[in-house]
Amino acid sequence: MVLSRFCKPRPVLVLLLSSALVFFGLVEPGYAAPREQPDGQDPSPTPVWLSLPDCQTVGSGVYLCDQVPVLHFRADPPADGSKVLQISGTLANVPFTCLASECDLKLEQTPDSGADLFFGVVTNVRDEGTPFHAVVRVSAQDPTRPNAGPWLVSIVSVQLAVAPTDICAVEWEAPPPLDNLLSWALSPAEAEGLETTTTLDLLAGRLIYWGIVEARDCPAGGLLASGAANACGVERARQAMLTVQNRFDEEIYASAKRSQIPAILLKRLIAQESQFWPGSLGIAGEYGLGQISELGADALLMWSSTYYDEICPATLGSAVCEQSYTQLTWEQRAMLRGAVMQQVNAQCPECAAGVDWDKASESVPVIAETLRANCRQVNQLVRNITGRPPGQVATYADLWRMTLANYNAGPGCLSYSLIQAWRGQRMDWGTISAGMTEACVGAVDYVKKVAP
């Protein structure tokens, strides 16, 4: 997490501010409260799953439908042994009823912001109401022919039959744009689709410095005073530079899929943080491919219960870890942050080029889960500040930009700008970035490079 190459907040001060935000309730970990159910309703409603069987995935949560899009509902058998009589609900406040445990609903054009879908089942024992929610967005690919195909559709819901490729969009209740798919927020069909040919001068410089690339015939041995490669050095290092920047693609792809975040975004973040040189140590103590700092480790442990449940018992013991991260003592939390830092630290003085490449590869899932934790933190920040689901006040693209700013500069920087923006009833990235303080403004350039 690098605020800028030359400007960093003091890590202890920022970490204290981050923790203070938690204890004062501004960014309390957890999800927004579930939609209220009628009195006496079963707290575990019968699952109903959504799919678009005749459509093809074209992006993160976006589908292309050649025919009029049809949303398929499928209810699981109720846990109490009763029988599903119907699936019912509302789409854009229009009620619908299907007299079966599986049925189809034809979709029509929706507003750009999408339409709310609420749904649930009625069994021969009880009416379960509409406990499930989705945001549905439908748009003709050719806006001049809204009633003619093909159509682009996005379904944002945890009830998708196939796991969403972007769980952050689901939590934000923010459908991805249909009219302009964001190249930086997609996941390719295979890891090979992540291959890049970017010129990375710092990576080229590391390759020359460690003798992996020979550039003695270049001016100054191919290096600038900053440690980056000069033009001659870049050319000498080009092939090795391409090899290294694509070395982690398989792990990036698998980790993004596991954490349900866009794979291209994860790779772009790593490119900006370390230029794929895992031996990098930031000036404020950030480690590895994702330049994770103590602030980043704090966010990961606070907002990823899955990761916390994995690392805490191995570090502190199972009895201690029955408590949440925020309930631990300061010393216990510091020990956990240290354990995270060791997981992502690929420095190895006795290794060739000072890098443990296997450990670097093993750190990629931690980076992915840290980015995932940041989008969860942004979800709660926006909900607490506005009182609304993030997708109702901000776009999908801008919510990812907020997440990147949070990853880079921390919740202290982001929350201040969010509060200032919301005083004017705005929650767009242009307004938020304009409100960044001098100590945090480096995050604006960082976001621009990762998610232009």
Protein backbone atom coordinates (compact mmCIF):
# COMPACT_ATOMS: atom_id res chain seq x y z
CA MET A 1 0.00 0.00 0.00
CA VAL A 2 1.97 2.99 -1.20
CA LEU A 3 0.50 6.45 -0.75
CA SER A 4 3.02 7.80 -3.19
CA ARG A 5 6.64 7.08 -3.94
CA PHE A 6 7.76 10.03 -1.84
CA CYS A 7 4.89 10.87 0.54
CA LYS A 8 3.66 8.51 3.24
CA PRO A 9 1.52 9.04 6.33
CA ARG A 10 3.14 8.08 9.58
CA PRO A 11 2.07 4.43 9.93
CA VAL A 12 1.57 4.40 13.71
CA LEU A 13 -0.53 7.56 13.63
CA VAL A 14 -2.68 6.25 10.77
CA LEU A 15 -3.08 2.88 12.47
CA LEU A 16 -4.22 4.60 15.67
CA LEU A 17 -6.72 6.63 13.66
CA SER A 18 -7.96 3.49 11.93
CA SER A 19 -8.48 1.74 15.27
CA ALA A 20 -10.15 4.82 16.73
CA LEU A 21 -12.66 4.81 13.88
CA VAL A 22 -13.60 1.27 14.84
CA PHE A 23 -14.02 1.95 18.51
CA PHE A 24 -16.03 5.10 17.94
CA GLY A 25 -18.37 3.08 15.73
CA LEU A 26 -17.73 4.74 12.37
CA VAL A 27 -16.45 1.60 10.70
CA GLU A 28 -17.68 -1.18 12.95
CA PRO A 29 -16.98 -4.51 11.21
CA GLY A 30 -19.93 -6.47 9.91
CA TYR A 31 -22.64 -6.24 7.32
CA ALA A 32 -25.57 -3.90 7.20
CA ALA A 33 -28.58 -5.14 9.12
CA PRO A 34 -30.65 -7.62 7.11
CA ARG A 35 -33.97 -6.58 5.73
CA GLU A 36 -36.56 -6.88 8.49
CA GLN A 37 -38.90 -9.84 8.33
CA PRO A 38 -42.52 -10.03 9.53
CA ASP A 39 -42.95 -11.00 13.18
CA GLY A 40 -42.62 -14.72 13.77
CA GLN A 41 -40.97 -15.43 10.42
CA ASP A 42 -38.42 -18.23 10.24
CA PRO A 43 -34.96 -16.60 10.51
CA SER A 44 -33.63 -19.11 7.96
CA PRO A 45 -35.84 -18.73 4.90
CA THR A 46 -35.89 -21.33 2.13
CA PRO A 47 -33.10 -20.45 -0.33
CA VAL A 48 -34.14 -19.34 -3.80
CA TRP A 49 -31.45 -19.23 -6.48
CA LEU A 50 -31.25 -16.99 -9.55
CA SER A 51 -29.73 -17.66 -12.95
CA LEU A 52 -29.80 -16.46 -16.56
CA PRO A 53 -29.63 -19.83 -18.36
CA ASP A 54 -29.72 -18.52 -21.94
CA CYS A 55 -27.12 -15.76 -21.51
CA GLN A 56 -23.34 -15.61 -21.68
CA THR A 57 -21.02 -13.94 -19.18
CA VAL A 58 -19.16 -10.98 -20.70
CA GLY A 59 -17.82 -9.27 -17.59
CA SER A 60 -17.90 -9.17 -13.81
CA GLY A 61 -21.57 -9.85 -13.15
CA VAL A 62 -22.63 -8.78 -16.67
CA TYR A 63 -24.38 -11.13 -19.11
CA LEU A 64 -25.15 -10.91 -22.84
CA CYS A 65 -28.56 -12.27 -23.85
CA ASP A 66 -29.36 -12.74 -27.55
CA GLN A 67 -33.02 -13.36 -26.78
CA VAL A 68 -35.34 -11.51 -24.40
CA PRO A 69 -33.63 -12.14 -21.05
CA VAL A 70 -35.38 -14.60 -18.76
CA LEU A 71 -34.54 -14.83 -15.08
CA HIS A 72 -34.82 -18.35 -13.68
CA PHE A 73 -35.83 -18.95 -10.05
CA ARG A 74 -35.16 -22.25 -8.29
CA ALA A 75 -36.15 -22.91 -4.68
CA ASP A 76 -34.40 -25.48 -2.50
CA PRO A 77 -36.57 -28.01 -0.62
CA PRO A 78 -37.59 -26.36 2.69
CA ALA A 79 -35.61 -27.52 5.72
CA ASP A 80 -38.81 -28.36 7.65
CA GLY A 81 -39.96 -30.86 5.01
CA SER A 82 -42.81 -28.71 3.73
CA LYS A 83 -43.56 -28.17 0.04
CA VAL A 84 -42.94 -25.01 -1.97
CA LEU A 85 -46.23 -23.88 -3.49
CA GLN A 86 -45.01 -20.69 -5.14
CA ILE A 87 -42.22 -18.19 -5.56
CA SER A 88 -43.38 -14.61 -5.31
CA GLY A 89 -42.06 -11.10 -4.95
CA THR A 90 -41.77 -7.74 -6.64
CA LEU A 91 -39.58 -6.42 -9.43
CA ALA A 92 -39.48 -2.63 -9.65
CA ASN A 93 -42.45 -2.64 -7.22
CA VAL A 94 -44.50 -4.78 -9.62
CA PRO A 95 -45.66 -8.03 -7.97
CA PHE A 96 -45.18 -11.43 -9.60
CA THR A 97 -46.10 -14.99 -8.61
CA CYS A 98 -44.87 -18.35 -9.94
CA LEU A 99 -46.95 -21.38 -8.93
CA ALA A 100 -44.02 -23.80 -8.64
CA SER A 101 -40.62 -24.29 -7.00
CA GLU A 102 -38.96 -23.35 -10.31
CA CYS A 103 -40.11 -20.74 -12.75
CA ASP A 104 -39.04 -18.04 -15.22
CA LEU A 105 -39.64 -14.30 -15.28
CA LYS A 106 -39.13 -12.26 -18.45
CA LEU A 107 -37.08 -9.13 -17.88
CA GLU A 108 -37.63 -5.73 -19.41
CA GLN A 109 -35.53 -2.60 -19.78
CA THR A 110 -34.72 -1.00 -16.42
CA PRO A 111 -33.45 2.44 -15.41
CA ASP A 112 -29.68 2.90 -15.49
CA SER A 113 -29.59 2.49 -11.71
CA GLY A 114 -31.35 -0.88 -11.99
CA ALA A 115 -34.50 -2.20 -10.35
CA ASP A 116 -34.96 -3.82 -6.94
CA LEU A 117 -36.05 -7.44 -6.90
CA PHE A 118 -37.43 -8.91 -3.66
CA PHE A 119 -38.41 -12.56 -3.59
CA GLY A 120 -39.18 -15.57 -1.41
CA VAL A 121 -41.41 -18.64 -1.22
CA VAL A 122 -44.81 -19.69 0.04
CA THR A 123 -45.01 -23.26 1.34
CA ASN A 124 -47.94 -25.38 2.44
CA VAL A 125 -46.99 -24.39 6.00
CA ARG A 126 -46.28 -20.67 5.85
CA ASP A 127 -45.68 -17.57 3.74
CA GLU A 128 -41.99 -16.72 4.12
CA GLY A 129 -42.38 -13.24 2.69
CA THR A 130 -39.63 -11.77 0.51
CA PRO A 131 -36.38 -12.14 2.46
CA PHE A 132 -34.07 -12.10 -0.58
CA HIS A 133 -32.94 -9.08 -2.55
CA ALA A 134 -31.26 -8.45 -5.89
CA VAL A 135 -30.57 -5.45 -8.07
CA VAL A 136 -31.45 -6.19 -11.69
CA ARG A 137 -30.24 -4.06 -14.56
CA VAL A 138 -31.31 -4.63 -18.19
CA SER A 139 -30.26 -2.58 -21.19
CA ALA A 140 -30.45 -3.13 -24.94
CA GLN A 141 -26.95 -3.29 -26.39
CA ASP A 142 -28.12 -0.79 -29.00
CA PRO A 143 -29.80 2.05 -27.02
CA THR A 144 -31.60 3.19 -30.18
CA ARG A 145 -33.46 -0.15 -30.33
CA PRO A 146 -34.56 -0.76 -26.71
CA ASN A 147 -37.02 -3.51 -27.68
CA ALA A 148 -34.61 -5.44 -29.89
CA GLY A 149 -31.78 -7.69 -28.81
CA PRO A 150 -29.22 -8.44 -27.80
CA TRP A 151 -29.52 -7.27 -24.20
CA LEU A 152 -26.97 -6.73 -21.46
CA VAL A 153 -28.06 -7.80 -17.98
CA SER A 154 -26.50 -7.62 -14.54
CA ILE A 155 -27.84 -9.41 -11.46
CA VAL A 156 -26.38 -8.30 -8.14
CA SER A 157 -27.36 -10.74 -5.41
CA VAL A 158 -25.88 -13.30 -3.03
CA GLN A 159 -28.60 -15.64 -4.35
CA LEU A 160 -26.95 -16.15 -7.74
CA ALA A 161 -26.76 -19.86 -8.53
CA VAL A 162 -23.22 -19.32 -9.80
CA ALA A 163 -20.92 -17.52 -7.38
CA PRO A 164 -20.60 -13.85 -8.40
CA THR A 165 -17.28 -12.80 -9.90
CA ASP A 166 -17.50 -9.57 -7.91
CA ILE A 167 -18.86 -10.06 -4.41
CA CYS A 168 -18.15 -6.40 -3.65
CA ALA A 169 -20.81 -5.34 -6.15
CA VAL A 170 -23.25 -7.61 -4.30
CA GLU A 171 -22.45 -6.14 -0.90
CA TRP A 172 -22.57 -2.60 -2.25
CA GLU A 173 -25.82 -3.38 -4.10
CA ALA A 174 -24.17 -1.63 -7.04
CA PRO A 175 -24.64 -3.23 -10.47
CA PRO A 176 -21.68 -2.89 -12.87
CA PRO A 177 -22.22 -0.54 -15.81
CA LEU A 178 -23.75 -2.11 -18.89
CA ASP A 179 -23.04 0.65 -21.40
CA ASN A 180 -19.29 0.83 -20.74
CA LEU A 181 -17.68 -2.32 -19.31
CA LEU A 182 -14.69 -1.25 -17.24
CA SER A 183 -11.59 -2.95 -18.61
CA TRP A 184 -9.87 -2.72 -15.23
CA ALA A 185 -12.76 -4.37 -13.33
CA LEU A 186 -13.11 -7.57 -15.35
CA SER A 187 -12.01 -11.17 -14.90
CA PRO A 188 -10.91 -13.03 -18.03
CA ALA A 189 -12.17 -16.52 -18.78
CA GLU A 190 -8.72 -17.97 -18.11
CA ALA A 191 -5.49 -16.91 -16.40
CA GLU A 192 -3.87 -16.39 -19.81
CA GLY A 193 -6.14 -13.39 -20.26
CA LEU A 194 -4.18 -11.56 -17.56
CA GLU A 195 -0.98 -11.39 -19.64
CA THR A 196 0.41 -7.86 -19.90
CA THR A 197 3.27 -6.20 -21.80
CA THR A 198 3.65 -3.09 -19.65
CA THR A 199 6.92 -1.19 -19.44
CA LEU A 200 7.85 -1.17 -15.73
CA ASP A 201 10.99 0.88 -15.16
CA LEU A 202 11.36 0.03 -11.47
CA LEU A 203 11.07 -3.69 -12.17
CA ALA A 204 13.63 -3.37 -14.97
CA GLY A 205 15.90 -1.55 -12.54
CA ARG A 206 15.66 -4.35 -9.97
CA LEU A 207 16.47 -6.92 -12.63
CA ILE A 208 19.59 -4.97 -13.62
CA TYR A 209 20.65 -4.23 -10.03
CA TRP A 210 20.55 -7.90 -9.05
CA GLY A 211 22.46 -9.01 -12.15
CA ILE A 212 19.55 -10.88 -13.71
CA VAL A 213 19.90 -8.59 -16.73
CA GLU A 214 23.24 -7.32 -18.06
CA ALA A 215 23.24 -3.61 -18.99
CA ARG A 216 26.87 -2.49 -18.39
CA ASP A 217 27.07 -1.03 -21.89
CA CYS A 218 24.15 1.34 -21.14
CA PRO A 219 24.71 4.85 -19.75
CA ALA A 220 25.17 4.59 -15.94
CA GLY A 221 24.89 0.83 -16.24
CA GLY A 222 21.25 1.15 -17.28
CA LEU A 223 20.09 2.70 -14.01
CA LEU A 224 18.81 6.10 -12.91
CA ALA A 225 19.62 7.57 -9.50
CA SER A 226 16.15 6.50 -8.30
CA GLY A 227 16.94 2.85 -8.99
CA ALA A 228 14.63 2.69 -12.00
CA ALA A 229 16.02 1.65 -15.36
CA ASN A 230 16.83 4.30 -17.93
CA ALA A 231 15.66 3.90 -21.53
CA CYS A 232 18.62 1.72 -22.48
CA GLY A 233 18.22 -0.38 -19.34
CA VAL A 234 14.53 -0.91 -20.02
CA GLU A 235 15.29 -2.26 -23.48
CA ARG A 236 17.98 -4.59 -22.14
CA ALA A 237 15.56 -5.87 -19.49
CA ARG A 238 12.43 -6.03 -21.65
CA GLN A 239 12.15 -9.81 -22.04
CA ALA A 240 12.88 -10.53 -18.36
CA MET A 241 10.53 -7.69 -17.40
CA LEU A 242 7.69 -9.32 -19.36
CA THR A 243 8.43 -12.72 -17.83
CA VAL A 244 8.36 -11.45 -14.25
CA GLN A 245 5.21 -9.33 -14.62
CA ASN A 246 3.31 -12.38 -15.84
CA ARG A 247 4.94 -14.86 -13.47
CA PHE A 248 2.12 -14.67 -10.91
CA ASP A 249 -0.85 -14.71 -13.30
CA GLU A 250 -2.07 -18.18 -12.33
CA GLU A 251 -2.03 -17.33 -8.64
CA ILE A 252 -3.62 -13.90 -9.23
CA TYR A 253 -6.40 -15.50 -11.25
CA ALA A 254 -7.04 -18.26 -8.69
CA SER A 255 -6.87 -15.85 -5.73
CA ALA A 256 -9.22 -13.34 -7.34
CA LYS A 257 -11.69 -16.12 -8.09
CA ARG A 258 -11.48 -17.41 -4.52
CA SER A 259 -11.98 -13.93 -3.03
CA GLN A 260 -14.59 -13.09 -5.71
CA ILE A 261 -12.99 -9.88 -6.89
CA PRO A 262 -12.03 -8.79 -10.44
CA ALA A 263 -8.75 -10.46 -11.42
CA ILE A 264 -7.56 -7.64 -13.69
CA LEU A 265 -8.05 -5.13 -10.89
CA LEU A 266 -5.98 -7.29 -8.53
CA LYS A 267 -3.14 -7.51 -11.05
CA ARG A 268 -3.23 -3.76 -11.72
CA LEU A 269 -3.04 -3.11 -7.98
CA ILE A 270 0.05 -5.33 -7.64
CA ALA A 271 1.63 -3.62 -10.66
CA GLN A 272 1.16 -0.23 -9.03
CA GLU A 273 2.29 -1.34 -5.58
CA SER A 274 5.46 -3.27 -6.38
CA GLN A 275 5.81 -3.61 -10.16
CA PHE A 276 5.89 -7.37 -9.41
CA TRP A 277 9.20 -7.23 -7.55
CA PRO A 278 8.33 -9.11 -4.33
CA GLY A 279 11.53 -8.09 -2.52
CA SER A 280 10.35 -4.49 -2.30
CA LEU A 281 10.26 -2.83 1.12
CA GLY A 282 8.34 0.43 1.28
CA ILE A 283 9.65 3.47 3.13
CA ALA A 284 6.97 3.02 5.81
CA GLY A 285 7.53 -0.71 6.25
CA GLU A 286 5.29 -2.19 3.55
CA TYR A 287 6.13 -5.68 2.36
CA GLY A 288 5.91 -7.73 -0.77
CA LEU A 289 3.94 -7.72 -3.99
CA GLY A 290 0.98 -5.87 -2.47
CA GLN A 291 3.11 -3.58 -0.28
CA ILE A 292 0.96 -4.48 2.72
CA SER A 293 1.61 -2.36 5.79
CA GLU A 294 0.47 -2.73 9.39
CA LEU A 295 -2.53 -0.61 8.43
CA GLY A 296 -3.35 -3.07 5.66
CA ALA A 297 -2.92 -6.03 8.00
CA ASP A 298 -5.24 -4.31 10.46
CA ALA A 299 -7.95 -3.96 7.81
CA LEU A 300 -7.52 -7.57 6.71
CA LEU A 301 -7.83 -8.98 10.23
CA MET A 302 -10.72 -6.68 11.06
CA TRP A 303 -12.81 -7.24 7.94
CA SER A 304 -12.08 -10.81 6.86
CA SER A 305 -13.41 -13.26 9.42
CA THR A 306 -12.33 -16.15 7.19
CA TYR A 307 -8.71 -15.04 7.21
CA TYR A 308 -8.81 -14.17 10.92
CA ASP A 309 -10.14 -17.64 11.74
CA GLU A 310 -7.22 -19.16 9.82
CA ILE A 311 -4.31 -17.13 11.17
CA CYS A 312 -5.38 -16.30 14.72
CA PRO A 313 -5.44 -19.83 16.26
CA ALA A 314 -2.04 -20.63 14.76
CA THR A 315 -0.62 -17.44 16.29
CA LEU A 316 -2.45 -16.95 19.59
CA GLY A 317 -4.26 -20.23 20.22
CA SER A 318 -7.89 -21.25 19.74
CA ALA A 319 -9.11 -20.09 23.16
CA VAL A 320 -7.95 -16.51 22.60
CA CYS A 321 -9.38 -16.45 19.08
CA GLU A 322 -12.94 -17.09 20.20
CA GLN A 323 -12.97 -13.30 20.51
CA SER A 324 -13.14 -11.04 17.47
CA TYR A 325 -10.07 -9.11 16.37
CA THR A 326 -11.36 -5.84 17.85
CA GLN A 327 -11.82 -7.52 21.25
CA LEU A 328 -8.18 -8.61 21.50
CA THR A 329 -5.63 -6.65 23.49
CA TRP A 330 -3.37 -4.20 21.71
CA GLU A 331 -0.43 -6.60 22.14
CA GLN A 332 -2.41 -9.54 20.70
CA ARG A 333 -3.48 -7.51 17.68
CA ALA A 334 0.12 -6.41 17.15
CA MET A 335 1.22 -10.06 17.14
CA LEU A 336 -1.39 -10.91 14.52
CA ARG A 337 -0.40 -7.97 12.34
CA GLY A 338 3.20 -9.19 12.58
CA ALA A 339 2.11 -12.66 11.48
CA VAL A 340 0.40 -11.16 8.43
CA MET A 341 3.49 -9.17 7.55
CA GLN A 342 5.61 -12.31 7.68
CA GLN A 343 3.20 -14.09 5.34
CA VAL A 344 3.66 -11.44 2.66
CA ASN A 345 7.36 -10.69 3.24
CA ALA A 346 9.28 -12.40 0.44
CA GLN A 347 12.66 -10.86 1.28
CA CYS A 348 15.30 -13.59 1.56
CA PRO A 349 18.94 -12.47 2.00
CA GLU A 350 20.27 -15.95 1.29
CA CYS A 351 18.15 -16.41 -1.86
CA ALA A 352 19.14 -15.43 -5.40
CA ALA A 353 18.30 -11.75 -5.98
CA GLY A 354 17.25 -11.55 -2.33
CA VAL A 355 13.75 -12.92 -3.11
CA ASP A 356 11.90 -16.06 -2.06
CA TRP A 357 9.78 -16.46 -5.20
CA ASP A 358 7.69 -19.31 -3.82
CA LYS A 359 6.74 -17.26 -0.77
CA ALA A 360 5.91 -14.34 -3.04
CA SER A 361 3.48 -16.52 -4.97
CA GLU A 362 1.95 -17.79 -1.72
CA SER A 363 1.33 -14.18 -0.62
CA VAL A 364 -1.02 -13.41 -3.52
CA PRO A 365 -4.13 -14.88 -1.80
CA VAL A 366 -3.42 -12.62 1.20
CA ILE A 367 -3.28 -9.57 -1.09
CA ALA A 368 -6.55 -10.57 -2.75
CA GLU A 369 -8.26 -11.02 0.60
CA THR A 370 -6.89 -7.68 1.80
CA LEU A 371 -8.44 -5.92 -1.19
CA ARG A 372 -11.66 -7.81 -0.50
CA ALA A 373 -11.55 -6.68 3.14
CA ASN A 374 -11.14 -3.07 2.01
CA CYS A 375 -14.25 -3.21 -0.17
CA ARG A 376 -16.16 -4.56 2.85
CA GLN A 377 -14.87 -1.71 4.98
CA VAL A 378 -15.92 0.83 2.34
CA ASN A 379 -19.35 -0.80 2.26
CA GLN A 380 -19.82 -0.12 5.97
CA LEU A 381 -18.27 3.35 5.82
CA VAL A 382 -20.69 4.50 3.13
CA ARG A 383 -23.69 2.91 4.86
CA ASN A 384 -22.79 4.54 8.18
CA ILE A 385 -22.23 7.97 6.66
CA THR A 386 -25.22 8.05 4.29
CA GLY A 387 -27.64 5.61 5.89
CA ARG A 388 -28.14 4.00 2.48
CA PRO A 389 -26.74 1.07 0.50
CA PRO A 390 -23.62 2.25 -1.35
CA GLY A 391 -25.16 1.43 -4.73
CA GLN A 392 -27.90 3.98 -4.11
CA VAL A 393 -25.49 6.87 -3.65
CA ALA A 394 -22.43 5.95 -5.72
CA THR A 395 -21.57 4.12 -8.92
CA TYR A 396 -19.92 0.72 -9.10
CA ALA A 397 -16.77 2.28 -10.59
CA ASP A 398 -16.52 4.96 -7.92
CA LEU A 399 -17.01 2.44 -5.12
CA TRP A 400 -14.03 0.50 -6.42
CA ARG A 401 -12.07 3.78 -6.56
CA MET A 402 -13.00 4.41 -2.93
CA THR A 403 -11.81 0.91 -2.09
CA LEU A 404 -8.47 1.50 -3.78
CA ALA A 405 -8.07 4.78 -1.91
CA ASN A 406 -8.87 2.97 1.32
CA TYR A 407 -6.27 0.29 0.51
CA ASN A 408 -3.69 2.92 -0.31
CA ALA A 409 -4.26 5.64 2.30
CA GLY A 410 -6.50 4.04 4.94
CA PRO A 411 -9.97 4.71 6.34
CA GLY A 412 -8.87 7.87 8.12
CA CYS A 413 -8.19 9.60 4.81
CA LEU A 414 -11.20 8.15 3.02
CA SER A 415 -13.79 8.66 5.76
CA TYR A 416 -12.89 12.36 6.11
CA SER A 417 -13.40 12.89 2.37
CA LEU A 418 -16.63 10.86 2.36
CA ILE A 419 -18.08 12.93 5.18
CA GLN A 420 -17.14 16.18 3.46
CA ALA A 421 -18.65 15.00 0.15
CA TRP A 422 -21.89 13.84 1.77
CA ARG A 423 -22.42 17.21 3.41
CA GLY A 424 -23.18 18.33 -0.11
CA GLN A 425 -25.22 15.19 -0.78
CA ARG A 426 -22.56 13.95 -3.19
CA MET A 427 -20.77 10.59 -3.23
CA ASP A 428 -18.93 10.62 -6.56
CA TRP A 429 -15.20 10.08 -6.83
CA GLY A 430 -14.60 13.54 -8.33
CA THR A 431 -16.04 15.22 -5.22
CA ILE A 432 -14.41 12.74 -2.83
CA SER A 433 -10.95 13.03 -4.39
CA ALA A 434 -11.17 16.83 -4.41
CA GLY A 435 -11.71 16.70 -0.65
CA MET A 436 -8.58 14.68 0.13
CA THR A 437 -6.31 16.42 2.63
CA GLU A 438 -2.69 17.24 1.83
CA ALA A 439 -1.48 14.15 3.69
CA CYS A 440 -3.88 11.92 1.72
CA VAL A 441 -3.85 13.47 -1.75
CA GLY A 442 -1.34 10.92 -3.05
CA ALA A 443 -4.20 8.42 -3.09
CA VAL A 444 -5.84 10.35 -5.93
CA ASP A 445 -2.96 9.72 -8.33
CA TYR A 446 -2.73 6.12 -7.12
CA VAL A 447 -6.41 5.48 -7.93
CA LYS A 448 -6.06 7.14 -11.32
CA LYS A 449 -3.26 4.73 -12.25
CA VAL A 450 -5.08 1.59 -11.12
CA ALA A 451 -8.67 2.44 -12.11
CA PRO A 452 -8.63 5.32 -14.63
